[in-house]
Amino acid sequence: MLKLSVCIGSSCHIKGSRHVVEDLQYLISAHNLQELVELSGTFCMGKCQQGVCVTVDDALSTVSPDTVNAFFEKEVLAKVV
């Protein structure tokens, strides 16, 4: 199972983590990947200046509401399909 963790700390929240989480929930559901992808929230990952921090199996990425679709295609779909 692919594990996604989205920072929901205050800095990432201000940068749009709520929208990133909602978009990822939608994309996981729309592609019927609930059995293959685990989405969770976490607090500060220590990279606050970089934007919304997301880990995919412990590999850190920076995502924004504008880049979440491209991130999903590259970092999630490419690894589970």
PDB file of N, CA and C in Angstrom:
ATOM      1  N   MET A   1       0.842  -1.178   0.000  1.00  0.00           N
ATOM      2  CA  MET A   1       0.000   0.000   0.000  1.00  0.00           C
ATOM      3  C   MET A   1       0.886   1.240   0.000  1.00  0.00           C
ATOM      4  N   LEU A   2       0.552   2.198  -0.850  1.00  0.00           N
ATOM      5  CA  LEU A   2       1.266   3.464  -0.940  1.00  0.00           C
ATOM      6  C   LEU A   2       0.752   4.377   0.171  1.00  0.00           C
ATOM      7  N   LYS A   3       1.663   4.968   0.936  1.00  0.00           N
ATOM      8  CA  LYS A   3       1.272   5.809   2.063  1.00  0.00           C
ATOM      9  C   LYS A   3       1.556   7.278   1.772  1.00  0.00           C
ATOM     10  N   LEU A   4       0.489   8.079   1.753  1.00  0.00           N
ATOM     11  CA  LEU A   4       0.600   9.523   1.568  1.00  0.00           C
ATOM     12  C   LEU A   4       0.324  10.200   2.899  1.00  0.00           C
ATOM     13  N   SER A   5       1.175  11.125   3.278  1.00  0.00           N
ATOM     14  CA  SER A   5       0.974  11.917   4.485  1.00  0.00           C
ATOM     15  C   SER A   5       1.054  13.385   4.112  1.00  0.00           C
ATOM     16  N   VAL A   6       0.031  14.139   4.488  1.00  0.00           N
ATOM     17  CA  VAL A   6      -0.023  15.567   4.179  1.00  0.00           C
ATOM     18  C   VAL A   6       0.111  16.340   5.483  1.00  0.00           C
ATOM     19  N   CYS A   7       1.019  17.316   5.497  1.00  0.00           N
ATOM     20  CA  CYS A   7       1.176  18.156   6.669  1.00  0.00           C
ATOM     21  C   CYS A   7      -0.062  19.034   6.822  1.00  0.00           C
ATOM     22  N   ILE A   8      -0.620  19.042   8.030  1.00  0.00           N
ATOM     23  CA  ILE A   8      -1.774  19.891   8.312  1.00  0.00           C
ATOM     24  C   ILE A   8      -1.436  20.886   9.423  1.00  0.00           C
ATOM     25  N   GLY A   9      -0.137  21.107   9.627  1.00  0.00           N
ATOM     26  CA  GLY A   9       0.304  22.111  10.594  1.00  0.00           C
ATOM     27  C   GLY A   9      -0.085  23.508  10.143  1.00  0.00           C
ATOM     28  N   SER A  10       0.092  24.485  11.013  1.00  0.00           N
ATOM     29  CA  SER A  10      -0.405  25.837  10.733  1.00  0.00           C
ATOM     30  C   SER A  10       0.202  26.456   9.475  1.00  0.00           C
ATOM     31  N   SER A  11       1.486  26.320   9.253  1.00  0.00           N
ATOM     32  CA  SER A  11       2.110  26.921   8.069  1.00  0.00           C
ATOM     33  C   SER A  11       1.583  26.279   6.790  1.00  0.00           C
ATOM     34  N   CYS A  12       1.509  24.968   6.759  1.00  0.00           N
ATOM     35  CA  CYS A  12       0.993  24.278   5.570  1.00  0.00           C
ATOM     36  C   CYS A  12      -0.503  24.529   5.397  1.00  0.00           C
ATOM     37  N   HIS A  13      -1.221  24.660   6.506  1.00  0.00           N
ATOM     38  CA  HIS A  13      -2.653  24.964   6.424  1.00  0.00           C
ATOM     39  C   HIS A  13      -2.864  26.303   5.716  1.00  0.00           C
ATOM     40  N   ILE A  14      -2.056  27.295   6.081  1.00  0.00           N
ATOM     41  CA  ILE A  14      -2.157  28.614   5.453  1.00  0.00           C
ATOM     42  C   ILE A  14      -1.849  28.524   3.958  1.00  0.00           C
ATOM     43  N   LYS A  15      -0.968  27.600   3.579  1.00  0.00           N
ATOM     44  CA  LYS A  15      -0.577  27.454   2.176  1.00  0.00           C
ATOM     45  C   LYS A  15      -1.505  26.532   1.383  1.00  0.00           C
ATOM     46  N   GLY A  16      -2.566  26.023   2.026  1.00  0.00           N
ATOM     47  CA  GLY A  16      -3.573  25.272   1.284  1.00  0.00           C
ATOM     48  C   GLY A  16      -3.640  23.780   1.535  1.00  0.00           C
ATOM     49  N   SER A  17      -3.125  23.312   2.670  1.00  0.00           N
ATOM     50  CA  SER A  17      -3.127  21.856   2.891  1.00  0.00           C
ATOM     51  C   SER A  17      -4.535  21.264   2.915  1.00  0.00           C
ATOM     52  N   ARG A  18      -5.514  22.025   3.379  1.00  0.00           N
ATOM     53  CA  ARG A  18      -6.881  21.512   3.397  1.00  0.00           C
ATOM     54  C   ARG A  18      -7.351  21.192   1.978  1.00  0.00           C
ATOM     55  N   HIS A  19      -7.071  22.094   1.043  1.00  0.00           N
ATOM     56  CA  HIS A  19      -7.451  21.858  -0.360  1.00  0.00           C
ATOM     57  C   HIS A  19      -6.673  20.684  -0.946  1.00  0.00           C
ATOM     58  N   VAL A  20      -5.396  20.561  -0.589  1.00  0.00           N
ATOM     59  CA  VAL A  20      -4.585  19.448  -1.075  1.00  0.00           C
ATOM     60  C   VAL A  20      -5.177  18.126  -0.586  1.00  0.00           C
ATOM     61  N   VAL A  21      -5.532  18.062   0.697  1.00  0.00           N
ATOM     62  CA  VAL A  21      -6.134  16.842   1.252  1.00  0.00           C
ATOM     63  C   VAL A  21      -7.440  16.525   0.543  1.00  0.00           C
ATOM     64  N   GLU A  22      -8.295  17.525   0.379  1.00  0.00           N
ATOM     65  CA  GLU A  22      -9.594  17.292  -0.282  1.00  0.00           C
ATOM     66  C   GLU A  22      -9.414  16.825  -1.717  1.00  0.00           C
ATOM     67  N   ASP A  23      -8.479  17.432  -2.427  1.00  0.00           N
ATOM     68  CA  ASP A  23      -8.218  17.024  -3.812  1.00  0.00           C
ATOM     69  C   ASP A  23      -7.665  15.605  -3.875  1.00  0.00           C
ATOM     70  N   LEU A  24      -6.746  15.274  -2.969  1.00  0.00           N
ATOM     71  CA  LEU A  24      -6.205  13.913  -2.961  1.00  0.00           C
ATOM     72  C   LEU A  24      -7.280  12.891  -2.614  1.00  0.00           C
ATOM     73  N   GLN A  25      -8.154  13.214  -1.664  1.00  0.00           N
ATOM     74  CA  GLN A  25      -9.262  12.311  -1.335  1.00  0.00           C
ATOM     75  C   GLN A  25     -10.125  12.067  -2.567  1.00  0.00           C
ATOM     76  N   TYR A  26     -10.443  13.136  -3.278  1.00  0.00           N
ATOM     77  CA  TYR A  26     -11.261  13.017  -4.480  1.00  0.00           C
ATOM     78  C   TYR A  26     -10.560  12.167  -5.539  1.00  0.00           C
ATOM     79  N   LEU A  27      -9.282  12.447  -5.794  1.00  0.00           N
ATOM     80  CA  LEU A  27      -8.544  11.728  -6.834  1.00  0.00           C
ATOM     81  C   LEU A  27      -8.392  10.247  -6.501  1.00  0.00           C
ATOM     82  N   ILE A  28      -8.132   9.942  -5.254  1.00  0.00           N
ATOM     83  CA  ILE A  28      -8.023   8.540  -4.829  1.00  0.00           C
ATOM     84  C   ILE A  28      -9.345   7.830  -5.071  1.00  0.00           C
ATOM     85  N   SER A  29     -10.428   8.466  -4.705  1.00  0.00           N
ATOM     86  CA  SER A  29     -11.754   7.879  -4.899  1.00  0.00           C
ATOM     87  C   SER A  29     -12.115   7.766  -6.379  1.00  0.00           C
ATOM     88  N   ALA A  30     -11.846   8.820  -7.144  1.00  0.00           N
ATOM     89  CA  ALA A  30     -12.200   8.833  -8.570  1.00  0.00           C
ATOM     90  C   ALA A  30     -11.468   7.754  -9.357  1.00  0.00           C
ATOM     91  N   HIS A  31     -10.280   7.383  -8.896  1.00  0.00           N
ATOM     92  CA  HIS A  31      -9.501   6.338  -9.561  1.00  0.00           C
ATOM     93  C   HIS A  31      -9.636   4.978  -8.865  1.00  0.00           C
ATOM     94  N   ASN A  32     -10.565   4.891  -7.923  1.00  0.00           N
ATOM     95  CA  ASN A  32     -10.825   3.647  -7.180  1.00  0.00           C
ATOM     96  C   ASN A  32      -9.555   3.057  -6.577  1.00  0.00           C
ATOM     97  N   LEU A  33      -8.778   3.899  -5.911  1.00  0.00           N
ATOM     98  CA  LEU A  33      -7.504   3.462  -5.336  1.00  0.00           C
ATOM     99  C   LEU A  33      -7.548   3.338  -3.817  1.00  0.00           C
ATOM    100  N   GLN A  34      -8.746   3.300  -3.234  1.00  0.00           N
ATOM    101  CA  GLN A  34      -8.867   3.239  -1.784  1.00  0.00           C
ATOM    102  C   GLN A  34      -8.142   2.042  -1.180  1.00  0.00           C
ATOM    103  N   GLU A  35      -8.065   0.952  -1.907  1.00  0.00           N
ATOM    104  CA  GLU A  35      -7.393  -0.253  -1.402  1.00  0.00           C
ATOM    105  C   GLU A  35      -5.885  -0.215  -1.613  1.00  0.00           C
ATOM    106  N   LEU A  36      -5.407   0.739  -2.413  1.00  0.00           N
ATOM    107  CA  LEU A  36      -3.980   0.799  -2.746  1.00  0.00           C
ATOM    108  C   LEU A  36      -3.251   2.003  -2.164  1.00  0.00           C
ATOM    109  N   VAL A  37      -4.020   3.020  -1.739  1.00  0.00           N
ATOM    110  CA  VAL A  37      -3.416   4.262  -1.249  1.00  0.00           C
ATOM    111  C   VAL A  37      -4.003   4.608   0.110  1.00  0.00           C
ATOM    112  N   GLU A  38      -3.122   4.863   1.063  1.00  0.00           N
ATOM    113  CA  GLU A  38      -3.538   5.285   2.399  1.00  0.00           C
ATOM    114  C   GLU A  38      -3.175   6.761   2.555  1.00  0.00           C
ATOM    115  N   LEU A  39      -4.173   7.599   2.830  1.00  0.00           N
ATOM    116  CA  LEU A  39      -3.972   9.037   2.991  1.00  0.00           C
ATOM    117  C   LEU A  39      -4.146   9.402   4.451  1.00  0.00           C
ATOM    118  N   SER A  40      -3.175  10.131   4.986  1.00  0.00           N
ATOM    119  CA  SER A  40      -3.276  10.560   6.378  1.00  0.00           C
ATOM    120  C   SER A  40      -2.731  11.973   6.524  1.00  0.00           C
ATOM    121  N   GLY A  41      -3.021  12.573   7.647  1.00  0.00           N
ATOM    122  CA  GLY A  41      -2.500  13.888   7.971  1.00  0.00           C
ATOM    123  C   GLY A  41      -1.416  13.757   9.025  1.00  0.00           C
ATOM    124  N   THR A  42      -0.539  14.721   9.059  1.00  0.00           N
ATOM    125  CA  THR A  42       0.519  14.752  10.059  1.00  0.00           C
ATOM    126  C   THR A  42       0.811  16.206  10.389  1.00  0.00           C
ATOM    127  N   PHE A  43       1.516  16.420  11.474  1.00  0.00           N
ATOM    128  CA  PHE A  43       1.891  17.787  11.806  1.00  0.00           C
ATOM    129  C   PHE A  43       3.289  18.080  11.308  1.00  0.00           C
ATOM    130  N   CYS A  44       3.798  19.207  11.608  1.00  0.00           N
ATOM    131  CA  CYS A  44       5.000  19.788  11.016  1.00  0.00           C
ATOM    132  C   CYS A  44       6.085  18.777  10.644  1.00  0.00           C
ATOM    133  N   MET A  45       6.545  18.893   9.404  1.00  0.00           N
ATOM    134  CA  MET A  45       7.621  18.059   8.890  1.00  0.00           C
ATOM    135  C   MET A  45       8.943  18.824   8.849  1.00  0.00           C
ATOM    136  N   GLY A  46       8.910  20.075   9.322  1.00  0.00           N
ATOM    137  CA  GLY A  46      10.130  20.859   9.422  1.00  0.00           C
ATOM    138  C   GLY A  46      10.564  21.568   8.147  1.00  0.00           C
ATOM    139  N   LYS A  47       9.723  21.586   7.138  1.00  0.00           N
ATOM    140  CA  LYS A  47      10.053  22.251   5.864  1.00  0.00           C
ATOM    141  C   LYS A  47       9.011  23.320   5.562  1.00  0.00           C
ATOM    142  N   CYS A  48       8.645  24.078   6.574  1.00  0.00           N
ATOM    143  CA  CYS A  48       7.527  25.029   6.480  1.00  0.00           C
ATOM    144  C   CYS A  48       7.678  26.036   5.351  1.00  0.00           C
ATOM    145  N   GLN A  49       8.877  26.467   5.052  1.00  0.00           N
ATOM    146  CA  GLN A  49       9.090  27.480   4.027  1.00  0.00           C
ATOM    147  C   GLN A  49       8.836  26.950   2.623  1.00  0.00           C
ATOM    148  N   GLN A  50       8.751  25.636   2.442  1.00  0.00           N
ATOM    149  CA  GLN A  50       8.622  25.059   1.103  1.00  0.00           C
ATOM    150  C   GLN A  50       7.190  24.938   0.616  1.00  0.00           C
ATOM    151  N   GLY A  51       6.214  25.061   1.468  1.00  0.00           N
ATOM    152  CA  GLY A  51       4.835  24.904   1.033  1.00  0.00           C
ATOM    153  C   GLY A  51       4.205  23.700   1.693  1.00  0.00           C
ATOM    154  N   VAL A  52       3.138  23.190   1.134  1.00  0.00           N
ATOM    155  CA  VAL A  52       2.450  22.043   1.720  1.00  0.00           C
ATOM    156  C   VAL A  52       3.325  20.807   1.517  1.00  0.00           C
ATOM    157  N   CYS A  53       3.771  20.243   2.620  1.00  0.00           N
ATOM    158  CA  CYS A  53       4.653  19.073   2.569  1.00  0.00           C
ATOM    159  C   CYS A  53       3.826  17.795   2.500  1.00  0.00           C
ATOM    160  N   VAL A  54       4.184  16.935   1.573  1.00  0.00           N
ATOM    161  CA  VAL A  54       3.514  15.644   1.403  1.00  0.00           C
ATOM    162  C   VAL A  54       4.590  14.588   1.274  1.00  0.00           C
ATOM    163  N   THR A  55       4.439  13.494   2.006  1.00  0.00           N
ATOM    164  CA  THR A  55       5.362  12.384   1.828  1.00  0.00           C
ATOM    165  C   THR A  55       4.640  11.243   1.126  1.00  0.00           C
ATOM    166  N   VAL A  56       5.371  10.587   0.244  1.00  0.00           N
ATOM    167  CA  VAL A  56       4.902   9.382  -0.435  1.00  0.00           C
ATOM    168  C   VAL A  56       5.891   8.302  -0.032  1.00  0.00           C
ATOM    169  N   ASP A  57       5.433   7.388   0.823  1.00  0.00           N
ATOM    170  CA  ASP A  57       6.338   6.384   1.378  1.00  0.00           C
ATOM    171  C   ASP A  57       7.636   7.028   1.870  1.00  0.00           C
ATOM    172  N   ASP A  58       7.514   8.085   2.647  1.00  0.00           N
ATOM    173  CA  ASP A  58       8.620   8.796   3.303  1.00  0.00           C
ATOM    174  C   ASP A  58       9.460   9.686   2.386  1.00  0.00           C
ATOM    175  N   ALA A  59       9.159   9.776   1.095  1.00  0.00           N
ATOM    176  CA  ALA A  59       9.862  10.705   0.200  1.00  0.00           C
ATOM    177  C   ALA A  59       9.099  12.025   0.203  1.00  0.00           C
ATOM    178  N   LEU A  60       9.777  13.109   0.586  1.00  0.00           N
ATOM    179  CA  LEU A  60       9.134  14.405   0.745  1.00  0.00           C
ATOM    180  C   LEU A  60       8.967  15.142  -0.579  1.00  0.00           C
ATOM    181  N   SER A  61       7.767  15.699  -0.772  1.00  0.00           N
ATOM    182  CA  SER A  61       7.467  16.544  -1.924  1.00  0.00           C
ATOM    183  C   SER A  61       6.774  17.803  -1.417  1.00  0.00           C
ATOM    184  N   THR A  62       6.806  18.837  -2.226  1.00  0.00           N
ATOM    185  CA  THR A  62       6.073  20.063  -1.930  1.00  0.00           C
ATOM    186  C   THR A  62       4.948  20.187  -2.940  1.00  0.00           C
ATOM    187  N   VAL A  63       3.740  20.388  -2.435  1.00  0.00           N
ATOM    188  CA  VAL A  63       2.551  20.423  -3.278  1.00  0.00           C
ATOM    189  C   VAL A  63       1.766  21.688  -2.948  1.00  0.00           C
ATOM    190  N   SER A  64       1.031  22.187  -3.917  1.00  0.00           N
ATOM    191  CA  SER A  64       0.113  23.298  -3.681  1.00  0.00           C
ATOM    192  C   SER A  64      -1.234  22.906  -4.292  1.00  0.00           C
ATOM    193  N   PRO A  65      -2.281  23.636  -3.956  1.00  0.00           N
ATOM    194  CA  PRO A  65      -3.565  23.330  -4.592  1.00  0.00           C
ATOM    195  C   PRO A  65      -3.478  23.367  -6.124  1.00  0.00           C
ATOM    196  N   ASP A  66      -2.579  24.191  -6.660  1.00  0.00           N
ATOM    197  CA  ASP A  66      -2.430  24.283  -8.118  1.00  0.00           C
ATOM    198  C   ASP A  66      -1.652  23.118  -8.727  1.00  0.00           C
ATOM    199  N   THR A  67      -0.831  22.436  -7.939  1.00  0.00           N
ATOM    200  CA  THR A  67       0.014  21.360  -8.484  1.00  0.00           C
ATOM    201  C   THR A  67      -0.412  19.962  -8.040  1.00  0.00           C
ATOM    202  N   VAL A  68      -1.502  19.867  -7.285  1.00  0.00           N
ATOM    203  CA  VAL A  68      -1.886  18.569  -6.718  1.00  0.00           C
ATOM    204  C   VAL A  68      -2.222  17.538  -7.802  1.00  0.00           C
ATOM    205  N   ASN A  69      -2.840  17.951  -8.897  1.00  0.00           N
ATOM    206  CA  ASN A  69      -3.188  16.991  -9.956  1.00  0.00           C
ATOM    207  C   ASN A  69      -1.937  16.409 -10.612  1.00  0.00           C
ATOM    208  N   ALA A  70      -0.982  17.253 -10.928  1.00  0.00           N
ATOM    209  CA  ALA A  70       0.272  16.775 -11.525  1.00  0.00           C
ATOM    210  C   ALA A  70       1.034  15.895 -10.540  1.00  0.00           C
ATOM    211  N   PHE A  71       1.034  16.289  -9.278  1.00  0.00           N
ATOM    212  CA  PHE A  71       1.681  15.485  -8.237  1.00  0.00           C
ATOM    213  C   PHE A  71       1.037  14.101  -8.169  1.00  0.00           C
ATOM    214  N   PHE A  72      -0.286  14.063  -8.179  1.00  0.00           N
ATOM    215  CA  PHE A  72      -1.010  12.791  -8.089  1.00  0.00           C
ATOM    216  C   PHE A  72      -0.655  11.875  -9.252  1.00  0.00           C
ATOM    217  N   GLU A  73      -0.642  12.428 -10.454  1.00  0.00           N
ATOM    218  CA  GLU A  73      -0.314  11.619 -11.629  1.00  0.00           C
ATOM    219  C   GLU A  73       1.105  11.058 -11.549  1.00  0.00           C
ATOM    220  N   LYS A  74       2.054  11.894 -11.156  1.00  0.00           N
ATOM    221  CA  LYS A  74       3.457  11.488 -11.143  1.00  0.00           C
ATOM    222  C   LYS A  74       3.828  10.612  -9.947  1.00  0.00           C
ATOM    223  N   GLU A  75       3.348  10.984  -8.768  1.00  0.00           N
ATOM    224  CA  GLU A  75       3.799  10.324  -7.545  1.00  0.00           C
ATOM    225  C   GLU A  75       2.853   9.237  -7.022  1.00  0.00           C
ATOM    226  N   VAL A  76       1.622   9.234  -7.492  1.00  0.00           N
ATOM    227  CA  VAL A  76       0.679   8.222  -7.001  1.00  0.00           C
ATOM    228  C   VAL A  76       0.279   7.287  -8.129  1.00  0.00           C
ATOM    229  N   LEU A  77      -0.361   7.797  -9.154  1.00  0.00           N
ATOM    230  CA  LEU A  77      -0.828   6.928 -10.249  1.00  0.00           C
ATOM    231  C   LEU A  77       0.317   6.139 -10.869  1.00  0.00           C
ATOM    232  N   ALA A  78       1.428   6.785 -11.100  1.00  0.00           N
ATOM    233  CA  ALA A  78       2.562   6.116 -11.740  1.00  0.00           C
ATOM    234  C   ALA A  78       3.097   4.955 -10.895  1.00  0.00           C
ATOM    235  N   LYS A  79       2.846   4.997  -9.591  1.00  0.00           N
ATOM    236  CA  LYS A  79       3.390   3.971  -8.701  1.00  0.00           C
ATOM    237  C   LYS A  79       2.415   2.852  -8.371  1.00  0.00           C
ATOM    238  N   VAL A  80       1.121   3.079  -8.613  1.00  0.00           N
ATOM    239  CA  VAL A  80       0.150   2.047  -8.237  1.00  0.00           C
ATOM    240  C   VAL A  80      -0.575   1.415  -9.408  1.00  0.00           C
ATOM    241  N   VAL A  81      -0.455   1.988 -10.590  1.00  0.00           N
ATOM    242  CA  VAL A  81      -1.191   1.442 -11.740  1.00  0.00           C
ATOM    243  C   VAL A  81      -0.265   0.616 -12.600  1.00  0.00           C
TER     244      VAL A  81
END
